[in-house]
Amino acid sequence: MAGRGRGRGGASFNIGILGFNRGDALPQPIHQPPPLFPPLELKAVPLLQGEEYDYMLALKQEFRGTIRESPFYLKVTEKKKDIHRYSDKYQNSGNDGNSCFQPGLIDWDRLPPELKTLKKKLKKVRFTPKPNVPTKAEAAEVLKTLESLEKKDVNPDENETEENEGEENELEEYYEEEEEEEDNDYNLNYFDNGEDYGDDDDDDVDEGPTY
């Protein structure tokens, strides 16, 4: 329970640092503004003037301008607060469309080969199809078929008579086959070899006379 509501809290730092001790009166407030700049102990060296220094200054300004206009100068891109548009990625970035990655601007002899990006070029494969040259056997077969077709074209009446004769022969063979099949059916159904002859008479004898 010690330290609760008893006694006064002591300061945790040395009050003498503030410029007064315990029991002393507080300093009066200052109503005047502080000085703008502290007094300069070392003054700046005055600028040198002359034609030579003016020429050096002009060269320096020209050098700075060429560096800023070169494609290797990196600009700080300003972030737009507007919404992101699809067409933003197609806009040219850099100084007036120039980029340090354009071909011909980089001397790769002064840079390591690991940084050089290689583009793979697709090689066109030339395909020469082989001509379908017929063999001697195929040529002979083609000639035979052509000769047979020519013969058919020259004698169309003979071809028609041969076709008609062939159809008539096929019809005659068909009718002969049908007649043979009918004869066989009759023989199978009505053929009697005479083995059962007399069996009916024996049965009648056993039963007795008939009146």
C-alpha atoms as a PDB file:
ATOM      1  CA  MET A   1       0.000   0.000   0.000  1.00  0.00           C
ATOM      2  CA  ALA A   2       3.047   2.253   0.108  1.00  0.00           C
ATOM      3  CA  GLY A   3       3.185   5.071  -2.401  1.00  0.00           C
ATOM      4  CA  ARG A   4      -0.568   5.510  -2.748  1.00  0.00           C
ATOM      5  CA  GLY A   5      -1.902   8.919  -1.673  1.00  0.00           C
ATOM      6  CA  ARG A   6       1.038   9.621   0.581  1.00  0.00           C
ATOM      7  CA  GLY A   7       3.724  12.212  -0.069  1.00  0.00           C
ATOM      8  CA  ARG A   8       4.530  14.017  -3.316  1.00  0.00           C
ATOM      9  CA  GLY A   9       6.033  12.509  -6.428  1.00  0.00           C
ATOM     10  CA  GLY A  10       9.667  13.416  -7.005  1.00  0.00           C
ATOM     11  CA  ALA A  11      11.187  14.470 -10.334  1.00  0.00           C
ATOM     12  CA  SER A  12      12.917  11.739 -12.281  1.00  0.00           C
ATOM     13  CA  PHE A  13      15.691  14.009 -13.680  1.00  0.00           C
ATOM     14  CA  ASN A  14      18.092  16.686 -12.456  1.00  0.00           C
ATOM     15  CA  ILE A  15      16.371  20.063 -12.334  1.00  0.00           C
ATOM     16  CA  GLY A  16      19.683  21.932 -12.525  1.00  0.00           C
ATOM     17  CA  ILE A  17      19.843  21.149 -16.208  1.00  0.00           C
ATOM     18  CA  LEU A  18      16.999  23.616 -16.824  1.00  0.00           C
ATOM     19  CA  GLY A  19      19.040  26.513 -15.398  1.00  0.00           C
ATOM     20  CA  PHE A  20      17.566  26.827 -11.909  1.00  0.00           C
ATOM     21  CA  ASN A  21      17.505  24.805  -8.717  1.00  0.00           C
ATOM     22  CA  ARG A  22      14.814  23.840  -6.318  1.00  0.00           C
ATOM     23  CA  GLY A  23      13.306  26.758  -4.513  1.00  0.00           C
ATOM     24  CA  ASP A  24      14.444  29.320  -7.086  1.00  0.00           C
ATOM     25  CA  ALA A  25      11.925  31.508  -8.864  1.00  0.00           C
ATOM     26  CA  LEU A  26      10.967  30.542 -12.418  1.00  0.00           C
ATOM     27  CA  PRO A  27      12.550  32.635 -15.186  1.00  0.00           C
ATOM     28  CA  GLN A  28      10.406  35.241 -16.848  1.00  0.00           C
ATOM     29  CA  PRO A  29       9.047  34.442 -20.294  1.00  0.00           C
ATOM     30  CA  ILE A  30      10.666  36.071 -23.373  1.00  0.00           C
ATOM     31  CA  HIS A  31       8.243  37.977 -25.575  1.00  0.00           C
ATOM     32  CA  GLN A  32      10.651  38.581 -28.508  1.00  0.00           C
ATOM     33  CA  PRO A  33      11.102  36.252 -31.484  1.00  0.00           C
ATOM     34  CA  PRO A  34      14.354  34.335 -31.760  1.00  0.00           C
ATOM     35  CA  PRO A  35      16.965  35.419 -34.338  1.00  0.00           C
ATOM     36  CA  LEU A  36      16.342  34.147 -37.881  1.00  0.00           C
ATOM     37  CA  PHE A  37      19.821  32.730 -38.471  1.00  0.00           C
ATOM     38  CA  PRO A  38      22.672  32.167 -36.111  1.00  0.00           C
ATOM     39  CA  PRO A  39      25.726  34.331 -36.658  1.00  0.00           C
ATOM     40  CA  LEU A  40      28.070  32.984 -39.373  1.00  0.00           C
ATOM     41  CA  GLU A  41      31.477  32.141 -38.072  1.00  0.00           C
ATOM     42  CA  LEU A  42      32.917  31.333 -41.551  1.00  0.00           C
ATOM     43  CA  LYS A  43      31.730  33.412 -44.467  1.00  0.00           C
ATOM     44  CA  ALA A  44      31.350  31.984 -48.030  1.00  0.00           C
ATOM     45  CA  VAL A  45      34.122  32.494 -50.533  1.00  0.00           C
ATOM     46  CA  PRO A  46      33.169  35.068 -53.164  1.00  0.00           C
ATOM     47  CA  LEU A  47      32.521  33.770 -56.708  1.00  0.00           C
ATOM     48  CA  LEU A  48      35.300  34.010 -59.186  1.00  0.00           C
ATOM     49  CA  GLN A  49      34.438  35.932 -62.318  1.00  0.00           C
ATOM     50  CA  GLY A  50      36.016  36.071 -65.749  1.00  0.00           C
ATOM     51  CA  GLU A  51      35.784  34.654 -69.260  1.00  0.00           C
ATOM     52  CA  GLU A  52      37.372  31.350 -68.311  1.00  0.00           C
ATOM     53  CA  TYR A  53      34.922  30.739 -65.467  1.00  0.00           C
ATOM     54  CA  ASP A  54      31.960  31.750 -67.601  1.00  0.00           C
ATOM     55  CA  TYR A  55      33.073  29.254 -70.271  1.00  0.00           C
ATOM     56  CA  MET A  56      33.359  26.459 -67.683  1.00  0.00           C
ATOM     57  CA  LEU A  57      29.901  27.304 -66.386  1.00  0.00           C
ATOM     58  CA  ALA A  58      28.433  27.121 -69.893  1.00  0.00           C
ATOM     59  CA  LEU A  59      30.075  23.714 -70.469  1.00  0.00           C
ATOM     60  CA  LYS A  60      28.663  22.439 -67.207  1.00  0.00           C
ATOM     61  CA  GLN A  61      25.145  23.555 -68.102  1.00  0.00           C
ATOM     62  CA  GLU A  62      25.424  21.969 -71.556  1.00  0.00           C
ATOM     63  CA  PHE A  63      26.662  18.703 -70.047  1.00  0.00           C
ATOM     64  CA  ARG A  64      23.752  18.584 -67.619  1.00  0.00           C
ATOM     65  CA  GLY A  65      21.285  19.204 -70.453  1.00  0.00           C
ATOM     66  CA  THR A  66      22.690  16.399 -72.614  1.00  0.00           C
ATOM     67  CA  ILE A  67      22.559  13.980 -69.682  1.00  0.00           C
ATOM     68  CA  ARG A  68      18.923  14.809 -69.003  1.00  0.00           C
ATOM     69  CA  GLU A  69      17.967  14.420 -72.672  1.00  0.00           C
ATOM     70  CA  SER A  70      19.816  11.123 -73.171  1.00  0.00           C
ATOM     71  CA  PRO A  71      17.823   7.859 -73.208  1.00  0.00           C
ATOM     72  CA  PHE A  72      19.835   6.587 -70.259  1.00  0.00           C
ATOM     73  CA  TYR A  73      18.523   9.271 -67.921  1.00  0.00           C
ATOM     74  CA  LEU A  74      16.002   7.758 -65.532  1.00  0.00           C
ATOM     75  CA  LYS A  75      13.032   9.907 -64.762  1.00  0.00           C
ATOM     76  CA  VAL A  76      10.942   9.643 -61.650  1.00  0.00           C
ATOM     77  CA  THR A  77       7.525   8.544 -62.785  1.00  0.00           C
ATOM     78  CA  GLU A  78       4.745  10.489 -61.208  1.00  0.00           C
ATOM     79  CA  LYS A  79       2.011   8.333 -59.768  1.00  0.00           C
ATOM     80  CA  LYS A  80      -1.371   9.250 -61.117  1.00  0.00           C
ATOM     81  CA  LYS A  81      -4.181   9.510 -58.665  1.00  0.00           C
ATOM     82  CA  ASP A  82      -6.657   8.676 -61.384  1.00  0.00           C
ATOM     83  CA  ILE A  83      -8.043   5.185 -61.828  1.00  0.00           C
ATOM     84  CA  HIS A  84      -5.965   2.572 -63.631  1.00  0.00           C
ATOM     85  CA  ARG A  85      -6.852   2.290 -67.306  1.00  0.00           C
ATOM     86  CA  TYR A  86      -6.239  -0.577 -69.689  1.00  0.00           C
ATOM     87  CA  SER A  87      -4.538   1.755 -72.185  1.00  0.00           C
ATOM     88  CA  ASP A  88      -1.882   2.867 -69.673  1.00  0.00           C
ATOM     89  CA  LYS A  89       0.377  -0.095 -70.354  1.00  0.00           C
ATOM     90  CA  TYR A  90       0.477   0.756 -74.074  1.00  0.00           C
ATOM     91  CA  GLN A  91       1.665   4.299 -73.490  1.00  0.00           C
ATOM     92  CA  ASN A  92       5.312   5.030 -74.270  1.00  0.00           C
ATOM     93  CA  SER A  93       7.464   5.491 -71.205  1.00  0.00           C
ATOM     94  CA  GLY A  94      10.713   7.433 -71.212  1.00  0.00           C
ATOM     95  CA  ASN A  95      11.958  10.671 -72.742  1.00  0.00           C
ATOM     96  CA  ASP A  96       9.895  11.427 -75.863  1.00  0.00           C
ATOM     97  CA  GLY A  97       9.596   7.741 -76.711  1.00  0.00           C
ATOM     98  CA  ASN A  98      13.354   7.112 -76.399  1.00  0.00           C
ATOM     99  CA  SER A  99      14.476   4.128 -74.409  1.00  0.00           C
ATOM    100  CA  CYS A 100      17.918   2.901 -73.451  1.00  0.00           C
ATOM    101  CA  PHE A 101      16.884  -0.600 -74.518  1.00  0.00           C
ATOM    102  CA  GLN A 102      16.533   0.296 -78.181  1.00  0.00           C
ATOM    103  CA  PRO A 103      18.830  -1.690 -80.469  1.00  0.00           C
ATOM    104  CA  GLY A 104      21.963   0.133 -81.503  1.00  0.00           C
ATOM    105  CA  LEU A 105      22.186   2.379 -78.413  1.00  0.00           C
ATOM    106  CA  ILE A 106      24.029  -0.080 -76.185  1.00  0.00           C
ATOM    107  CA  ASP A 107      27.610  -1.126 -76.771  1.00  0.00           C
ATOM    108  CA  TRP A 108      27.495  -4.745 -75.615  1.00  0.00           C
ATOM    109  CA  ASP A 109      31.275  -5.069 -75.867  1.00  0.00           C
ATOM    110  CA  ARG A 110      31.544  -3.022 -72.695  1.00  0.00           C
ATOM    111  CA  LEU A 111      28.909  -4.972 -70.793  1.00  0.00           C
ATOM    112  CA  PRO A 112      28.862  -8.556 -69.491  1.00  0.00           C
ATOM    113  CA  PRO A 113      27.187 -11.096 -71.795  1.00  0.00           C
ATOM    114  CA  GLU A 114      24.789 -12.155 -69.014  1.00  0.00           C
ATOM    115  CA  LEU A 115      22.868  -8.904 -69.430  1.00  0.00           C
ATOM    116  CA  LYS A 116      22.298  -9.360 -73.139  1.00  0.00           C
ATOM    117  CA  THR A 117      18.913 -10.804 -73.962  1.00  0.00           C
ATOM    118  CA  LEU A 118      18.805 -13.124 -76.928  1.00  0.00           C
ATOM    119  CA  LYS A 119      15.745 -13.492 -79.092  1.00  0.00           C
ATOM    120  CA  LYS A 120      15.067 -16.941 -80.427  1.00  0.00           C
ATOM    121  CA  LYS A 121      14.386 -16.888 -84.135  1.00  0.00           C
ATOM    122  CA  LEU A 122      12.232 -19.630 -85.544  1.00  0.00           C
ATOM    123  CA  LYS A 123      13.867 -21.265 -88.514  1.00  0.00           C
ATOM    124  CA  LYS A 124      11.685 -22.103 -91.456  1.00  0.00           C
ATOM    125  CA  VAL A 125      11.921 -25.754 -92.367  1.00  0.00           C
ATOM    126  CA  ARG A 126      11.866 -26.237 -96.098  1.00  0.00           C
ATOM    127  CA  PHE A 127       9.912 -29.338 -97.055  1.00  0.00           C
ATOM    128  CA  THR A 128      10.228 -30.552-100.618  1.00  0.00           C
ATOM    129  CA  PRO A 129       7.654 -33.259-101.274  1.00  0.00           C
ATOM    130  CA  LYS A 130       8.858 -36.140-103.366  1.00  0.00           C
ATOM    131  CA  PRO A 131       7.049 -36.484-106.691  1.00  0.00           C
ATOM    132  CA  ASN A 132       4.892 -39.559-107.035  1.00  0.00           C
ATOM    133  CA  VAL A 133       6.681 -41.190-109.955  1.00  0.00           C
ATOM    134  CA  PRO A 134       4.804 -44.343-110.990  1.00  0.00           C
ATOM    135  CA  THR A 135       6.809 -47.547-111.278  1.00  0.00           C
ATOM    136  CA  LYS A 136       7.040 -49.664-114.421  1.00  0.00           C
ATOM    137  CA  ALA A 137       4.503 -52.203-113.140  1.00  0.00           C
ATOM    138  CA  GLU A 138       1.978 -49.478-112.281  1.00  0.00           C
ATOM    139  CA  ALA A 139       2.498 -47.856-115.678  1.00  0.00           C
ATOM    140  CA  ALA A 140       1.874 -51.195-117.418  1.00  0.00           C
ATOM    141  CA  GLU A 141      -1.352 -51.744-115.443  1.00  0.00           C
ATOM    142  CA  VAL A 142      -2.542 -48.264-116.344  1.00  0.00           C
ATOM    143  CA  LEU A 143      -1.876 -48.911-120.017  1.00  0.00           C
ATOM    144  CA  LYS A 144      -3.788 -52.180-119.873  1.00  0.00           C
ATOM    145  CA  THR A 145      -6.799 -50.543-118.266  1.00  0.00           C
ATOM    146  CA  LEU A 146      -6.717 -47.741-120.823  1.00  0.00           C
ATOM    147  CA  GLU A 147      -6.572 -50.258-123.703  1.00  0.00           C
ATOM    148  CA  SER A 148      -9.508 -52.204-122.299  1.00  0.00           C
ATOM    149  CA  LEU A 149     -11.526 -49.012-121.942  1.00  0.00           C
ATOM    150  CA  GLU A 150     -10.690 -48.025-125.515  1.00  0.00           C
ATOM    151  CA  LYS A 151     -11.852 -51.415-126.784  1.00  0.00           C
ATOM    152  CA  LYS A 152     -15.138 -51.024-124.926  1.00  0.00           C
ATOM    153  CA  ASP A 153     -15.609 -47.574-126.425  1.00  0.00           C
ATOM    154  CA  VAL A 154     -14.804 -48.801-129.955  1.00  0.00           C
ATOM    155  CA  ASN A 155     -17.187 -51.848-129.875  1.00  0.00           C
ATOM    156  CA  PRO A 156     -20.096 -50.876-127.626  1.00  0.00           C
ATOM    157  CA  ASP A 157     -22.543 -53.257-129.439  1.00  0.00           C
ATOM    158  CA  GLU A 158     -20.346 -56.287-128.811  1.00  0.00           C
ATOM    159  CA  ASN A 159     -20.029 -55.379-125.161  1.00  0.00           C
ATOM    160  CA  GLU A 160     -23.791 -55.075-124.849  1.00  0.00           C
ATOM    161  CA  THR A 161     -24.351 -58.474-126.559  1.00  0.00           C
ATOM    162  CA  GLU A 162     -21.779 -60.081-124.281  1.00  0.00           C
ATOM    163  CA  GLU A 163     -23.445 -58.593-121.246  1.00  0.00           C
ATOM    164  CA  ASN A 164     -26.888 -59.756-122.409  1.00  0.00           C
ATOM    165  CA  GLU A 165     -25.581 -63.270-123.077  1.00  0.00           C
ATOM    166  CA  GLY A 166     -24.019 -63.376-119.654  1.00  0.00           C
ATOM    167  CA  GLU A 167     -27.292 -62.305-118.036  1.00  0.00           C
ATOM    168  CA  GLU A 168     -29.243 -64.953-120.001  1.00  0.00           C
ATOM    169  CA  ASN A 169     -26.797 -67.677-118.940  1.00  0.00           C
ATOM    170  CA  GLU A 170     -27.171 -66.601-115.318  1.00  0.00           C
ATOM    171  CA  LEU A 171     -30.974 -66.752-115.587  1.00  0.00           C
ATOM    172  CA  GLU A 172     -30.870 -70.240-117.132  1.00  0.00           C
ATOM    173  CA  GLU A 173     -28.583 -71.516-114.386  1.00  0.00           C
ATOM    174  CA  TYR A 174     -30.903 -69.985-111.804  1.00  0.00           C
ATOM    175  CA  TYR A 175     -33.988 -71.739-113.247  1.00  0.00           C
ATOM    176  CA  GLU A 176     -32.158 -75.086-113.469  1.00  0.00           C
ATOM    177  CA  GLU A 177     -31.151 -74.812-109.819  1.00  0.00           C
ATOM    178  CA  GLU A 178     -34.755 -74.113-108.823  1.00  0.00           C
ATOM    179  CA  GLU A 179     -36.028 -77.184-110.741  1.00  0.00           C
ATOM    180  CA  GLU A 180     -33.430 -79.424-109.098  1.00  0.00           C
ATOM    181  CA  GLU A 181     -34.393 -78.137-105.658  1.00  0.00           C
ATOM    182  CA  GLU A 182     -38.077 -78.897-106.337  1.00  0.00           C
ATOM    183  CA  ASP A 183     -37.267 -82.472-107.488  1.00  0.00           C
ATOM    184  CA  ASN A 184     -35.254 -83.094-104.372  1.00  0.00           C
ATOM    185  CA  ASP A 185     -38.104 -81.868-102.170  1.00  0.00           C
ATOM    186  CA  TYR A 186     -40.558 -84.245-103.855  1.00  0.00           C
ATOM    187  CA  ASN A 187     -38.195 -87.214-103.466  1.00  0.00           C
ATOM    188  CA  LEU A 188     -37.561 -86.454 -99.816  1.00  0.00           C
ATOM    189  CA  ASN A 189     -41.264 -86.242 -98.995  1.00  0.00           C
ATOM    190  CA  TYR A 190     -42.607 -89.107-101.152  1.00  0.00           C
ATOM    191  CA  PHE A 191     -39.740 -91.597-101.461  1.00  0.00           C
ATOM    192  CA  ASP A 192     -40.624 -95.241-100.491  1.00  0.00           C
ATOM    193  CA  ASN A 193     -37.965 -97.930-100.655  1.00  0.00           C
ATOM    194  CA  GLY A 194     -40.446-100.853-100.072  1.00  0.00           C
ATOM    195  CA  GLU A 195     -39.163-102.001 -96.686  1.00  0.00           C
ATOM    196  CA  ASP A 196     -42.553-101.522 -94.992  1.00  0.00           C
ATOM    197  CA  TYR A 197     -44.360-103.594 -97.612  1.00  0.00           C
ATOM    198  CA  GLY A 198     -46.328-106.514 -96.023  1.00  0.00           C
ATOM    199  CA  ASP A 199     -46.303-105.228 -92.440  1.00  0.00           C
ATOM    200  CA  ASP A 200     -49.984-104.397 -92.602  1.00  0.00           C
ATOM    201  CA  ASP A 201     -50.896-107.972 -93.738  1.00  0.00           C
ATOM    202  CA  ASP A 202     -49.130-109.579 -90.752  1.00  0.00           C
ATOM    203  CA  ASP A 203     -51.033-107.410 -88.370  1.00  0.00           C
ATOM    204  CA  ASP A 204     -54.307-108.493 -89.936  1.00  0.00           C
ATOM    205  CA  VAL A 205     -53.434-112.236 -89.563  1.00  0.00           C
ATOM    206  CA  ASP A 206     -52.759-111.929 -85.883  1.00  0.00           C
ATOM    207  CA  GLU A 207     -56.023-110.225 -85.175  1.00  0.00           C
ATOM    208  CA  GLY A 208     -58.117-112.926 -86.817  1.00  0.00           C
ATOM    209  CA  PRO A 209     -60.352-113.261 -89.791  1.00  0.00           C
ATOM    210  CA  THR A 210     -62.475-110.412 -90.912  1.00  0.00           C
ATOM    211  CA  TYR A 211     -66.009-110.910 -92.074  1.00  0.00           C
END
